[in-house]
Amino acid sequence: MFKGLGGLGDMGKMMKAAQEMQTKMAELQENLNAITVVGESGAGLVKATATAKGELVGLDIDPSIFAPTEKEVVEDLILAAIKDAQSKASERHQREMSALTEGMGLPADMKLPF
């Protein structure tokens, strides 16, 4: 179809590959909203649930830590659980992006979107 046009045939392939990548990126972004991770602190007394995009969607606190004299400890445990969940979300996000780029034959450490 593009025989007499030099490298334009390759350009068509590149455009198709770019469209496929865009579709896969959109699917991945949607999937990242459905993937959840759980961060913990205080040996599981406080658990924070976040999407792989880092959005906090749940918090579970064991009632045994609700002593009025332990207010600062509870606050610290909540913050630690949230930070743990966000860290795990970031790691999961990176793994999902790496899997996408590797699946498309791109270097695993390639940052997307460009």
PDB file of N, CA and C in Angstrom:
ATOM      1  N   MET A   1       0.815  -1.197   0.000  1.00  0.00           N
ATOM      2  CA  MET A   1       0.000   0.000   0.000  1.00  0.00           C
ATOM      3  C   MET A   1       0.858   1.259   0.000  1.00  0.00           C
ATOM      4  N   PHE A   2       1.962   1.260   0.766  1.00  0.00           N
ATOM      5  CA  PHE A   2       2.821   2.438   0.845  1.00  0.00           C
ATOM      6  C   PHE A   2       4.160   2.215   0.145  1.00  0.00           C
ATOM      7  N   LYS A   3       4.224   1.340  -0.856  1.00  0.00           N
ATOM      8  CA  LYS A   3       5.496   0.953  -1.448  1.00  0.00           C
ATOM      9  C   LYS A   3       6.290   2.128  -2.002  1.00  0.00           C
ATOM     10  N   GLY A   4       5.703   3.017  -2.700  1.00  0.00           N
ATOM     11  CA  GLY A   4       6.446   4.103  -3.316  1.00  0.00           C
ATOM     12  C   GLY A   4       6.644   5.294  -2.406  1.00  0.00           C
ATOM     13  N   LEU A   5       6.258   5.175  -1.143  1.00  0.00           N
ATOM     14  CA  LEU A   5       6.303   6.341  -0.265  1.00  0.00           C
ATOM     15  C   LEU A   5       7.451   6.294   0.743  1.00  0.00           C
ATOM     16  N   GLY A   6       8.437   5.459   0.520  1.00  0.00           N
ATOM     17  CA  GLY A   6       9.591   5.425   1.409  1.00  0.00           C
ATOM     18  C   GLY A   6       9.229   4.933   2.796  1.00  0.00           C
ATOM     19  N   GLY A   7       9.562   5.713   3.808  1.00  0.00           N
ATOM     20  CA  GLY A   7       9.366   5.320   5.200  1.00  0.00           C
ATOM     21  C   GLY A   7       7.973   5.564   5.747  1.00  0.00           C
ATOM     22  N   LEU A   8       7.047   5.991   4.929  1.00  0.00           N
ATOM     23  CA  LEU A   8       5.699   6.280   5.437  1.00  0.00           C
ATOM     24  C   LEU A   8       4.978   5.028   5.891  1.00  0.00           C
ATOM     25  N   GLY A   9       5.327   3.866   5.310  1.00  0.00           N
ATOM     26  CA  GLY A   9       4.723   2.612   5.775  1.00  0.00           C
ATOM     27  C   GLY A   9       5.068   2.359   7.225  1.00  0.00           C
ATOM     28  N   ASP A  10       6.322   2.631   7.589  1.00  0.00           N
ATOM     29  CA  ASP A  10       6.748   2.492   8.973  1.00  0.00           C
ATOM     30  C   ASP A  10       6.018   3.489   9.865  1.00  0.00           C
ATOM     31  N   MET A  11       5.752   4.657   9.328  1.00  0.00           N
ATOM     32  CA  MET A  11       5.027   5.674  10.095  1.00  0.00           C
ATOM     33  C   MET A  11       3.630   5.172  10.429  1.00  0.00           C
ATOM     34  N   GLY A  12       2.998   4.491   9.487  1.00  0.00           N
ATOM     35  CA  GLY A  12       1.675   3.924   9.735  1.00  0.00           C
ATOM     36  C   GLY A  12       1.726   2.892  10.842  1.00  0.00           C
ATOM     37  N   LYS A  13       2.769   2.072  10.850  1.00  0.00           N
ATOM     38  CA  LYS A  13       2.933   1.072  11.911  1.00  0.00           C
ATOM     39  C   LYS A  13       3.138   1.755  13.257  1.00  0.00           C
ATOM     40  N   MET A  14       3.935   2.816  13.237  1.00  0.00           N
ATOM     41  CA  MET A  14       4.188   3.541  14.487  1.00  0.00           C
ATOM     42  C   MET A  14       2.911   4.173  15.019  1.00  0.00           C
ATOM     43  N   MET A  15       2.105   4.711  14.138  1.00  0.00           N
ATOM     44  CA  MET A  15       0.841   5.326  14.563  1.00  0.00           C
ATOM     45  C   MET A  15      -0.088   4.278  15.158  1.00  0.00           C
ATOM     46  N   LYS A  16      -0.140   3.124  14.519  1.00  0.00           N
ATOM     47  CA  LYS A  16      -0.986   2.043  15.035  1.00  0.00           C
ATOM     48  C   LYS A  16      -0.487   1.591  16.405  1.00  0.00           C
ATOM     49  N   ALA A  17       0.832   1.454  16.554  1.00  0.00           N
ATOM     50  CA  ALA A  17       1.412   1.068  17.835  1.00  0.00           C
ATOM     51  C   ALA A  17       1.120   2.120  18.899  1.00  0.00           C
ATOM     52  N   ALA A  18       1.180   3.388  18.529  1.00  0.00           N
ATOM     53  CA  ALA A  18       0.889   4.469  19.480  1.00  0.00           C
ATOM     54  C   ALA A  18      -0.568   4.420  19.922  1.00  0.00           C
ATOM     55  N   GLN A  19      -1.461   4.131  18.994  1.00  0.00           N
ATOM     56  CA  GLN A  19      -2.884   4.014  19.351  1.00  0.00           C
ATOM     57  C   GLN A  19      -3.108   2.840  20.288  1.00  0.00           C
ATOM     58  N   GLU A  20      -2.432   1.719  20.016  1.00  0.00           N
ATOM     59  CA  GLU A  20      -2.552   0.548  20.887  1.00  0.00           C
ATOM     60  C   GLU A  20      -2.044   0.881  22.283  1.00  0.00           C
ATOM     61  N   MET A  21      -0.919   1.592  22.351  1.00  0.00           N
ATOM     62  CA  MET A  21      -0.361   1.967  23.646  1.00  0.00           C
ATOM     63  C   MET A  21      -1.321   2.884  24.395  1.00  0.00           C
ATOM     64  N   GLN A  22      -1.927   3.812  23.679  1.00  0.00           N
ATOM     65  CA  GLN A  22      -2.868   4.731  24.309  1.00  0.00           C
ATOM     66  C   GLN A  22      -4.067   3.965  24.866  1.00  0.00           C
ATOM     67  N   THR A  23      -4.559   2.997  24.122  1.00  0.00           N
ATOM     68  CA  THR A  23      -5.678   2.177  24.585  1.00  0.00           C
ATOM     69  C   THR A  23      -5.276   1.386  25.826  1.00  0.00           C
ATOM     70  N   LYS A  24      -4.096   0.776  25.783  1.00  0.00           N
ATOM     71  CA  LYS A  24      -3.631  -0.011  26.934  1.00  0.00           C
ATOM     72  C   LYS A  24      -3.394   0.879  28.152  1.00  0.00           C
ATOM     73  N   MET A  25      -2.887   2.089  27.933  1.00  0.00           N
ATOM     74  CA  MET A  25      -2.679   3.013  29.052  1.00  0.00           C
ATOM     75  C   MET A  25      -4.010   3.395  29.692  1.00  0.00           C
ATOM     76  N   ALA A  26      -5.026   3.629  28.880  1.00  0.00           N
ATOM     77  CA  ALA A  26      -6.350   3.965  29.407  1.00  0.00           C
ATOM     78  C   ALA A  26      -6.907   2.802  30.211  1.00  0.00           C
ATOM     79  N   GLU A  27      -6.721   1.582  29.706  1.00  0.00           N
ATOM     80  CA  GLU A  27      -7.183   0.400  30.440  1.00  0.00           C
ATOM     81  C   GLU A  27      -6.440   0.265  31.761  1.00  0.00           C
ATOM     82  N   LEU A  28      -5.133   0.491  31.730  1.00  0.00           N
ATOM     83  CA  LEU A  28      -4.339   0.390  32.950  1.00  0.00           C
ATOM     84  C   LEU A  28      -4.789   1.424  33.973  1.00  0.00           C
ATOM     85  N   GLN A  29      -5.014   2.650  33.538  1.00  0.00           N
ATOM     86  CA  GLN A  29      -5.456   3.693  34.462  1.00  0.00           C
ATOM     87  C   GLN A  29      -6.774   3.295  35.131  1.00  0.00           C
ATOM     88  N   GLU A  30      -7.668   2.694  34.352  1.00  0.00           N
ATOM     89  CA  GLU A  30      -8.939   2.229  34.908  1.00  0.00           C
ATOM     90  C   GLU A  30      -8.706   1.092  35.900  1.00  0.00           C
ATOM     91  N   ASN A  31      -7.810   0.165  35.545  1.00  0.00           N
ATOM     92  CA  ASN A  31      -7.507  -0.960  36.430  1.00  0.00           C
ATOM     93  C   ASN A  31      -6.869  -0.495  37.734  1.00  0.00           C
ATOM     94  N   LEU A  32      -6.052   0.550  37.670  1.00  0.00           N
ATOM     95  CA  LEU A  32      -5.401   1.046  38.880  1.00  0.00           C
ATOM     96  C   LEU A  32      -6.416   1.558  39.896  1.00  0.00           C
ATOM     97  N   ASN A  33      -7.572   1.974  39.431  1.00  0.00           N
ATOM     98  CA  ASN A  33      -8.631   2.394  40.352  1.00  0.00           C
ATOM     99  C   ASN A  33      -9.257   1.200  41.060  1.00  0.00           C
ATOM    100  N   ALA A  34      -9.194   0.016  40.431  1.00  0.00           N
ATOM    101  CA  ALA A  34      -9.814  -1.178  41.005  1.00  0.00           C
ATOM    102  C   ALA A  34      -8.850  -1.972  41.886  1.00  0.00           C
ATOM    103  N   ILE A  35      -7.553  -1.803  41.692  1.00  0.00           N
ATOM    104  CA  ILE A  35      -6.555  -2.523  42.488  1.00  0.00           C
ATOM    105  C   ILE A  35      -6.413  -1.818  43.831  1.00  0.00           C
ATOM    106  N   THR A  36      -6.490  -2.580  44.916  1.00  0.00           N
ATOM    107  CA  THR A  36      -6.314  -1.979  46.235  1.00  0.00           C
ATOM    108  C   THR A  36      -5.146  -2.634  46.961  1.00  0.00           C
ATOM    109  N   VAL A  37      -4.530  -1.859  47.818  1.00  0.00           N
ATOM    110  CA  VAL A  37      -3.456  -2.326  48.692  1.00  0.00           C
ATOM    111  C   VAL A  37      -3.820  -1.915  50.110  1.00  0.00           C
ATOM    112  N   VAL A  38      -3.272  -2.658  51.086  1.00  0.00           N
ATOM    113  CA  VAL A  38      -3.555  -2.363  52.491  1.00  0.00           C
ATOM    114  C   VAL A  38      -2.249  -2.074  53.202  1.00  0.00           C
ATOM    115  N   GLY A  39      -2.173  -0.900  53.825  1.00  0.00           N
ATOM    116  CA  GLY A  39      -1.034  -0.538  54.652  1.00  0.00           C
ATOM    117  C   GLY A  39      -1.407  -0.748  56.106  1.00  0.00           C
ATOM    118  N   GLU A  40      -0.436  -1.152  56.901  1.00  0.00           N
ATOM    119  CA  GLU A  40      -0.698  -1.437  58.316  1.00  0.00           C
ATOM    120  C   GLU A  40       0.296  -0.732  59.222  1.00  0.00           C
ATOM    121  N   SER A  41      -0.119  -0.542  60.456  1.00  0.00           N
ATOM    122  CA  SER A  41       0.787  -0.081  61.503  1.00  0.00           C
ATOM    123  C   SER A  41       0.309  -0.665  62.821  1.00  0.00           C
ATOM    124  N   GLY A  42       1.195  -0.629  63.804  1.00  0.00           N
ATOM    125  CA  GLY A  42       0.835  -1.152  65.116  1.00  0.00           C
ATOM    126  C   GLY A  42       0.481  -2.627  65.068  1.00  0.00           C
ATOM    127  N   ALA A  43       1.242  -3.406  64.309  1.00  0.00           N
ATOM    128  CA  ALA A  43       1.003  -4.851  64.173  1.00  0.00           C
ATOM    129  C   ALA A  43      -0.419  -5.144  63.723  1.00  0.00           C
ATOM    130  N   GLY A  44      -0.933  -4.311  62.828  1.00  0.00           N
ATOM    131  CA  GLY A  44      -2.260  -4.543  62.275  1.00  0.00           C
ATOM    132  C   GLY A  44      -3.391  -3.881  63.039  1.00  0.00           C
ATOM    133  N   LEU A  45      -3.083  -3.097  64.066  1.00  0.00           N
ATOM    134  CA  LEU A  45      -4.145  -2.414  64.813  1.00  0.00           C
ATOM    135  C   LEU A  45      -4.817  -1.334  63.970  1.00  0.00           C
ATOM    136  N   VAL A  46      -4.064  -0.747  63.055  1.00  0.00           N
ATOM    137  CA  VAL A  46      -4.608   0.253  62.146  1.00  0.00           C
ATOM    138  C   VAL A  46      -4.271  -0.185  60.726  1.00  0.00           C
ATOM    139  N   LYS A  47      -5.296  -0.229  59.874  1.00  0.00           N
ATOM    140  CA  LYS A  47      -5.115  -0.621  58.474  1.00  0.00           C
ATOM    141  C   LYS A  47      -5.739   0.438  57.580  1.00  0.00           C
ATOM    142  N   ALA A  48      -4.976   0.856  56.577  1.00  0.00           N
ATOM    143  CA  ALA A  48      -5.457   1.835  55.603  1.00  0.00           C
ATOM    144  C   ALA A  48      -5.488   1.159  54.240  1.00  0.00           C
ATOM    145  N   THR A  49      -6.601   1.306  53.536  1.00  0.00           N
ATOM    146  CA  THR A  49      -6.750   0.724  52.208  1.00  0.00           C
ATOM    147  C   THR A  49      -6.733   1.854  51.180  1.00  0.00           C
ATOM    148  N   ALA A  50      -5.931   1.658  50.122  1.00  0.00           N
ATOM    149  CA  ALA A  50      -5.812   2.661  49.069  1.00  0.00           C
ATOM    150  C   ALA A  50      -5.850   1.976  47.709  1.00  0.00           C
ATOM    151  N   THR A  51      -6.258   2.740  46.690  1.00  0.00           N
ATOM    152  CA  THR A  51      -6.178   2.219  45.329  1.00  0.00           C
ATOM    153  C   THR A  51      -4.716   2.276  44.891  1.00  0.00           C
ATOM    154  N   ALA A  52      -4.397   1.590  43.801  1.00  0.00           N
ATOM    155  CA  ALA A  52      -3.025   1.628  43.287  1.00  0.00           C
ATOM    156  C   ALA A  52      -2.665   3.018  42.771  1.00  0.00           C
ATOM    157  N   LYS A  53      -3.649   3.886  42.662  1.00  0.00           N
ATOM    158  CA  LYS A  53      -3.375   5.281  42.304  1.00  0.00           C
ATOM    159  C   LYS A  53      -3.059   6.119  43.539  1.00  0.00           C
ATOM    160  N   GLY A  54      -3.190   5.524  44.739  1.00  0.00           N
ATOM    161  CA  GLY A  54      -2.850   6.221  45.969  1.00  0.00           C
ATOM    162  C   GLY A  54      -4.018   6.879  46.678  1.00  0.00           C
ATOM    163  N   GLU A  55      -5.234   6.694  46.183  1.00  0.00           N
ATOM    164  CA  GLU A  55      -6.406   7.288  46.827  1.00  0.00           C
ATOM    165  C   GLU A  55      -6.830   6.441  48.020  1.00  0.00           C
ATOM    166  N   LEU A  56      -6.897   7.059  49.195  1.00  0.00           N
ATOM    167  CA  LEU A  56      -7.322   6.367  50.403  1.00  0.00           C
ATOM    168  C   LEU A  56      -8.808   6.055  50.304  1.00  0.00           C
ATOM    169  N   VAL A  57      -9.177   4.765  50.444  1.00  0.00           N
ATOM    170  CA  VAL A  57     -10.582   4.374  50.309  1.00  0.00           C
ATOM    171  C   VAL A  57     -11.134   3.688  51.552  1.00  0.00           C
ATOM    172  N   GLY A  58     -10.282   3.388  52.529  1.00  0.00           N
ATOM    173  CA  GLY A  58     -10.789   2.745  53.735  1.00  0.00           C
ATOM    174  C   GLY A  58      -9.804   2.846  54.878  1.00  0.00           C
ATOM    175  N   LEU A  59     -10.347   2.800  56.080  1.00  0.00           N
ATOM    176  CA  LEU A  59      -9.540   2.859  57.288  1.00  0.00           C
ATOM    177  C   LEU A  59     -10.187   1.941  58.311  1.00  0.00           C
ATOM    178  N   ASP A  60      -9.407   1.010  58.871  1.00  0.00           N
ATOM    179  CA  ASP A  60      -9.911   0.078  59.871  1.00  0.00           C
ATOM    180  C   ASP A  60      -9.060   0.221  61.123  1.00  0.00           C
ATOM    181  N   ILE A  61      -9.718   0.560  62.226  1.00  0.00           N
ATOM    182  CA  ILE A  61      -9.006   0.787  63.481  1.00  0.00           C
ATOM    183  C   ILE A  61      -9.538  -0.175  64.530  1.00  0.00           C
ATOM    184  N   ASP A  62      -8.632  -0.938  65.129  1.00  0.00           N
ATOM    185  CA  ASP A  62      -9.012  -1.859  66.206  1.00  0.00           C
ATOM    186  C   ASP A  62      -9.471  -1.021  67.404  1.00  0.00           C
ATOM    187  N   PRO A  63     -10.662  -1.301  67.950  1.00  0.00           N
ATOM    188  CA  PRO A  63     -11.187  -0.476  69.050  1.00  0.00           C
ATOM    189  C   PRO A  63     -10.342  -0.518  70.319  1.00  0.00           C
ATOM    190  N   SER A  64      -9.462  -1.474  70.437  1.00  0.00           N
ATOM    191  CA  SER A  64      -8.661  -1.575  71.659  1.00  0.00           C
ATOM    192  C   SER A  64      -7.688  -0.406  71.832  1.00  0.00           C
ATOM    193  N   ILE A  65      -7.455   0.358  70.793  1.00  0.00           N
ATOM    194  CA  ILE A  65      -6.494   1.466  70.923  1.00  0.00           C
ATOM    195  C   ILE A  65      -7.152   2.787  71.316  1.00  0.00           C
ATOM    196  N   PHE A  66      -8.451   2.781  71.539  1.00  0.00           N
ATOM    197  CA  PHE A  66      -9.151   4.020  71.866  1.00  0.00           C
ATOM    198  C   PHE A  66      -9.162   4.310  73.361  1.00  0.00           C
ATOM    199  N   ALA A  67      -8.016   4.614  73.898  1.00  0.00           N
ATOM    200  CA  ALA A  67      -7.920   5.055  75.286  1.00  0.00           C
ATOM    201  C   ALA A  67      -7.613   6.548  75.231  1.00  0.00           C
ATOM    202  N   PRO A  68      -8.342   7.360  75.990  1.00  0.00           N
ATOM    203  CA  PRO A  68      -8.134   8.816  75.933  1.00  0.00           C
ATOM    204  C   PRO A  68      -6.673   9.241  76.115  1.00  0.00           C
ATOM    205  N   THR A  69      -5.923   8.494  76.883  1.00  0.00           N
ATOM    206  CA  THR A  69      -4.524   8.855  77.119  1.00  0.00           C
ATOM    207  C   THR A  69      -3.621   8.466  75.949  1.00  0.00           C
ATOM    208  N   GLU A  70      -4.143   7.744  74.999  1.00  0.00           N
ATOM    209  CA  GLU A  70      -3.355   7.260  73.866  1.00  0.00           C
ATOM    210  C   GLU A  70      -3.642   8.021  72.564  1.00  0.00           C
ATOM    211  N   LYS A  71      -4.217   9.211  72.667  1.00  0.00           N
ATOM    212  CA  LYS A  71      -4.603   9.975  71.490  1.00  0.00           C
ATOM    213  C   LYS A  71      -3.440  10.157  70.505  1.00  0.00           C
ATOM    214  N   GLU A  72      -2.279  10.567  70.967  1.00  0.00           N
ATOM    215  CA  GLU A  72      -1.133  10.799  70.086  1.00  0.00           C
ATOM    216  C   GLU A  72      -0.656   9.496  69.450  1.00  0.00           C
ATOM    217  N   VAL A  73      -0.703   8.412  70.205  1.00  0.00           N
ATOM    218  CA  VAL A  73      -0.291   7.111  69.663  1.00  0.00           C
ATOM    219  C   VAL A  73      -1.229   6.707  68.533  1.00  0.00           C
ATOM    220  N   VAL A  74      -2.532   6.884  68.731  1.00  0.00           N
ATOM    221  CA  VAL A  74      -3.517   6.544  67.707  1.00  0.00           C
ATOM    222  C   VAL A  74      -3.282   7.383  66.453  1.00  0.00           C
ATOM    223  N   GLU A  75      -3.058   8.661  66.636  1.00  0.00           N
ATOM    224  CA  GLU A  75      -2.805   9.533  65.483  1.00  0.00           C
ATOM    225  C   GLU A  75      -1.566   9.087  64.710  1.00  0.00           C
ATOM    226  N   ASP A  76      -0.507   8.743  65.451  1.00  0.00           N
ATOM    227  CA  ASP A  76       0.718   8.268  64.810  1.00  0.00           C
ATOM    228  C   ASP A  76       0.486   6.964  64.057  1.00  0.00           C
ATOM    229  N   LEU A  77      -0.288   6.052  64.652  1.00  0.00           N
ATOM    230  CA  LEU A  77      -0.577   4.779  63.999  1.00  0.00           C
ATOM    231  C   LEU A  77      -1.387   4.981  62.714  1.00  0.00           C
ATOM    232  N   ILE A  78      -2.340   5.900  62.765  1.00  0.00           N
ATOM    233  CA  ILE A  78      -3.155   6.185  61.574  1.00  0.00           C
ATOM    234  C   ILE A  78      -2.278   6.751  60.461  1.00  0.00           C
ATOM    235  N   LEU A  79      -1.451   7.722  60.801  1.00  0.00           N
ATOM    236  CA  LEU A  79      -0.558   8.308  59.791  1.00  0.00           C
ATOM    237  C   LEU A  79       0.397   7.255  59.221  1.00  0.00           C
ATOM    238  N   ALA A  80       0.930   6.399  60.069  1.00  0.00           N
ATOM    239  CA  ALA A  80       1.857   5.365  59.608  1.00  0.00           C
ATOM    240  C   ALA A  80       1.162   4.387  58.670  1.00  0.00           C
ATOM    241  N   ALA A  81      -0.072   4.013  58.978  1.00  0.00           N
ATOM    242  CA  ALA A  81      -0.818   3.089  58.113  1.00  0.00           C
ATOM    243  C   ALA A  81      -1.104   3.727  56.761  1.00  0.00           C
ATOM    244  N   ILE A  82      -1.472   5.003  56.781  1.00  0.00           N
ATOM    245  CA  ILE A  82      -1.756   5.706  55.519  1.00  0.00           C
ATOM    246  C   ILE A  82      -0.485   5.803  54.676  1.00  0.00           C
ATOM    247  N   LYS A  83       0.633   6.154  55.292  1.00  0.00           N
ATOM    248  CA  LYS A  83       1.891   6.241  54.555  1.00  0.00           C
ATOM    249  C   LYS A  83       2.294   4.883  53.991  1.00  0.00           C
ATOM    250  N   ASP A  84       2.070   3.820  54.755  1.00  0.00           N
ATOM    251  CA  ASP A  84       2.382   2.471  54.289  1.00  0.00           C
ATOM    252  C   ASP A  84       1.513   2.119  53.086  1.00  0.00           C
ATOM    253  N   ALA A  85       0.232   2.445  53.147  1.00  0.00           N
ATOM    254  CA  ALA A  85      -0.679   2.166  52.031  1.00  0.00           C
ATOM    255  C   ALA A  85      -0.268   2.950  50.795  1.00  0.00           C
ATOM    256  N   GLN A  86       0.095   4.214  50.972  1.00  0.00           N
ATOM    257  CA  GLN A  86       0.514   5.031  49.836  1.00  0.00           C
ATOM    258  C   GLN A  86       1.802   4.504  49.216  1.00  0.00           C
ATOM    259  N   SER A  87       2.720   4.050  50.041  1.00  0.00           N
ATOM    260  CA  SER A  87       3.967   3.481  49.546  1.00  0.00           C
ATOM    261  C   SER A  87       3.697   2.208  48.748  1.00  0.00           C
ATOM    262  N   LYS A  88       2.823   1.351  49.279  1.00  0.00           N
ATOM    263  CA  LYS A  88       2.472   0.114  48.576  1.00  0.00           C
ATOM    264  C   LYS A  88       1.727   0.421  47.279  1.00  0.00           C
ATOM    265  N   ALA A  89       0.898   1.458  47.295  1.00  0.00           N
ATOM    266  CA  ALA A  89       0.172   1.848  46.084  1.00  0.00           C
ATOM    267  C   ALA A  89       1.157   2.309  45.013  1.00  0.00           C
ATOM    268  N   SER A  90       2.151   3.071  45.407  1.00  0.00           N
ATOM    269  CA  SER A  90       3.154   3.556  44.464  1.00  0.00           C
ATOM    270  C   SER A  90       3.947   2.390  43.873  1.00  0.00           C
ATOM    271  N   GLU A  91       4.327   1.431  44.715  1.00  0.00           N
ATOM    272  CA  GLU A  91       5.057   0.259  44.239  1.00  0.00           C
ATOM    273  C   GLU A  91       4.205  -0.550  43.262  1.00  0.00           C
ATOM    274  N   ARG A  92       2.933  -0.738  43.596  1.00  0.00           N
ATOM    275  CA  ARG A  92       2.040  -1.513  42.717  1.00  0.00           C
ATOM    276  C   ARG A  92       1.833  -0.791  41.390  1.00  0.00           C
ATOM    277  N   HIS A  93       1.697   0.526  41.458  1.00  0.00           N
ATOM    278  CA  HIS A  93       1.537   1.342  40.255  1.00  0.00           C
ATOM    279  C   HIS A  93       2.750   1.144  39.345  1.00  0.00           C
ATOM    280  N   GLN A  94       3.955   1.192  39.922  1.00  0.00           N
ATOM    281  CA  GLN A  94       5.179   0.998  39.144  1.00  0.00           C
ATOM    282  C   GLN A  94       5.220  -0.385  38.517  1.00  0.00           C
ATOM    283  N   ARG A  95       4.834  -1.426  39.282  1.00  0.00           N
ATOM    284  CA  ARG A  95       4.831  -2.788  38.737  1.00  0.00           C
ATOM    285  C   ARG A  95       3.874  -2.907  37.559  1.00  0.00           C
ATOM    286  N   GLU A  96       2.697  -2.313  37.694  1.00  0.00           N
ATOM    287  CA  GLU A  96       1.704  -2.381  36.615  1.00  0.00           C
ATOM    288  C   GLU A  96       2.203  -1.649  35.374  1.00  0.00           C
ATOM    289  N   MET A  97       2.817  -0.504  35.552  1.00  0.00           N
ATOM    290  CA  MET A  97       3.356   0.255  34.420  1.00  0.00           C
ATOM    291  C   MET A  97       4.500  -0.517  33.762  1.00  0.00           C
ATOM    292  N   SER A  98       5.369  -1.132  34.564  1.00  0.00           N
ATOM    293  CA  SER A  98       6.473  -1.915  34.011  1.00  0.00           C
ATOM    294  C   SER A  98       5.951  -3.097  33.212  1.00  0.00           C
ATOM    295  N   ALA A  99       4.919  -3.752  33.728  1.00  0.00           N
ATOM    296  CA  ALA A  99       4.331  -4.886  33.007  1.00  0.00           C
ATOM    297  C   ALA A  99       3.766  -4.425  31.666  1.00  0.00           C
ATOM    298  N   LEU A 100       3.151  -3.252  31.649  1.00  0.00           N
ATOM    299  CA  LEU A 100       2.595  -2.721  30.402  1.00  0.00           C
ATOM    300  C   LEU A 100       3.697  -2.432  29.391  1.00  0.00           C
ATOM    301  N   THR A 101       4.744  -1.760  29.821  1.00  0.00           N
ATOM    302  CA  THR A 101       5.811  -1.412  28.886  1.00  0.00           C
ATOM    303  C   THR A 101       6.543  -2.655  28.390  1.00  0.00           C
ATOM    304  N   GLU A 102       6.799  -3.610  29.284  1.00  0.00           N
ATOM    305  CA  GLU A 102       7.465  -4.845  28.867  1.00  0.00           C
ATOM    306  C   GLU A 102       6.598  -5.616  27.886  1.00  0.00           C
ATOM    307  N   GLY A 103       5.297  -5.637  28.118  1.00  0.00           N
ATOM    308  CA  GLY A 103       4.372  -6.336  27.243  1.00  0.00           C
ATOM    309  C   GLY A 103       4.322  -5.741  25.853  1.00  0.00           C
ATOM    310  N   MET A 104       4.698  -4.499  25.748  1.00  0.00           N
ATOM    311  CA  MET A 104       4.699  -3.825  24.445  1.00  0.00           C
ATOM    312  C   MET A 104       6.093  -3.802  23.829  1.00  0.00           C
ATOM    313  N   GLY A 105       7.043  -4.497  24.470  1.00  0.00           N
ATOM    314  CA  GLY A 105       8.395  -4.543  23.932  1.00  0.00           C
ATOM    315  C   GLY A 105       9.212  -3.305  24.225  1.00  0.00           C
ATOM    316  N   LEU A 106       8.778  -2.506  25.173  1.00  0.00           N
ATOM    317  CA  LEU A 106       9.509  -1.295  25.553  1.00  0.00           C
ATOM    318  C   LEU A 106      10.374  -1.591  26.769  1.00  0.00           C
ATOM    319  N   PRO A 107      11.408  -0.802  27.023  1.00  0.00           N
ATOM    320  CA  PRO A 107      12.229  -1.022  28.218  1.00  0.00           C
ATOM    321  C   PRO A 107      11.390  -0.940  29.491  1.00  0.00           C
ATOM    322  N   ALA A 108      11.653  -1.820  30.444  1.00  0.00           N
ATOM    323  CA  ALA A 108      10.881  -1.882  31.688  1.00  0.00           C
ATOM    324  C   ALA A 108      10.951  -0.587  32.484  1.00  0.00           C
ATOM    325  N   ASP A 109      12.066   0.139  32.380  1.00  0.00           N
ATOM    326  CA  ASP A 109      12.214   1.367  33.161  1.00  0.00           C
ATOM    327  C   ASP A 109      11.750   2.610  32.416  1.00  0.00           C
ATOM    328  N   MET A 110      11.099   2.421  31.283  1.00  0.00           N
ATOM    329  CA  MET A 110      10.596   3.573  30.499  1.00  0.00           C
ATOM    330  C   MET A 110       9.447   4.234  31.249  1.00  0.00           C
ATOM    331  N   LYS A 111       9.525   5.515  31.386  1.00  0.00           N
ATOM    332  CA  LYS A 111       8.487   6.267  32.114  1.00  0.00           C
ATOM    333  C   LYS A 111       7.361   6.646  31.178  1.00  0.00           C
ATOM    334  N   LEU A 112       6.143   6.242  31.537  1.00  0.00           N
ATOM    335  CA  LEU A 112       4.951   6.596  30.761  1.00  0.00           C
ATOM    336  C   LEU A 112       3.992   7.330  31.668  1.00  0.00           C
ATOM    337  N   PRO A 113       3.173   8.206  31.192  1.00  0.00           N
ATOM    338  CA  PRO A 113       3.232   8.755  29.858  1.00  0.00           C
ATOM    339  C   PRO A 113       4.468   9.607  29.696  1.00  0.00           C
ATOM    340  N   PHE A 114       4.854   9.788  28.444  1.00  0.00           N
ATOM    341  CA  PHE A 114       6.117  10.446  28.127  1.00  0.00           C
ATOM    342  C   PHE A 114       6.146  11.765  28.786  1.00  0.00           C
TER     343      PHE A 114
END
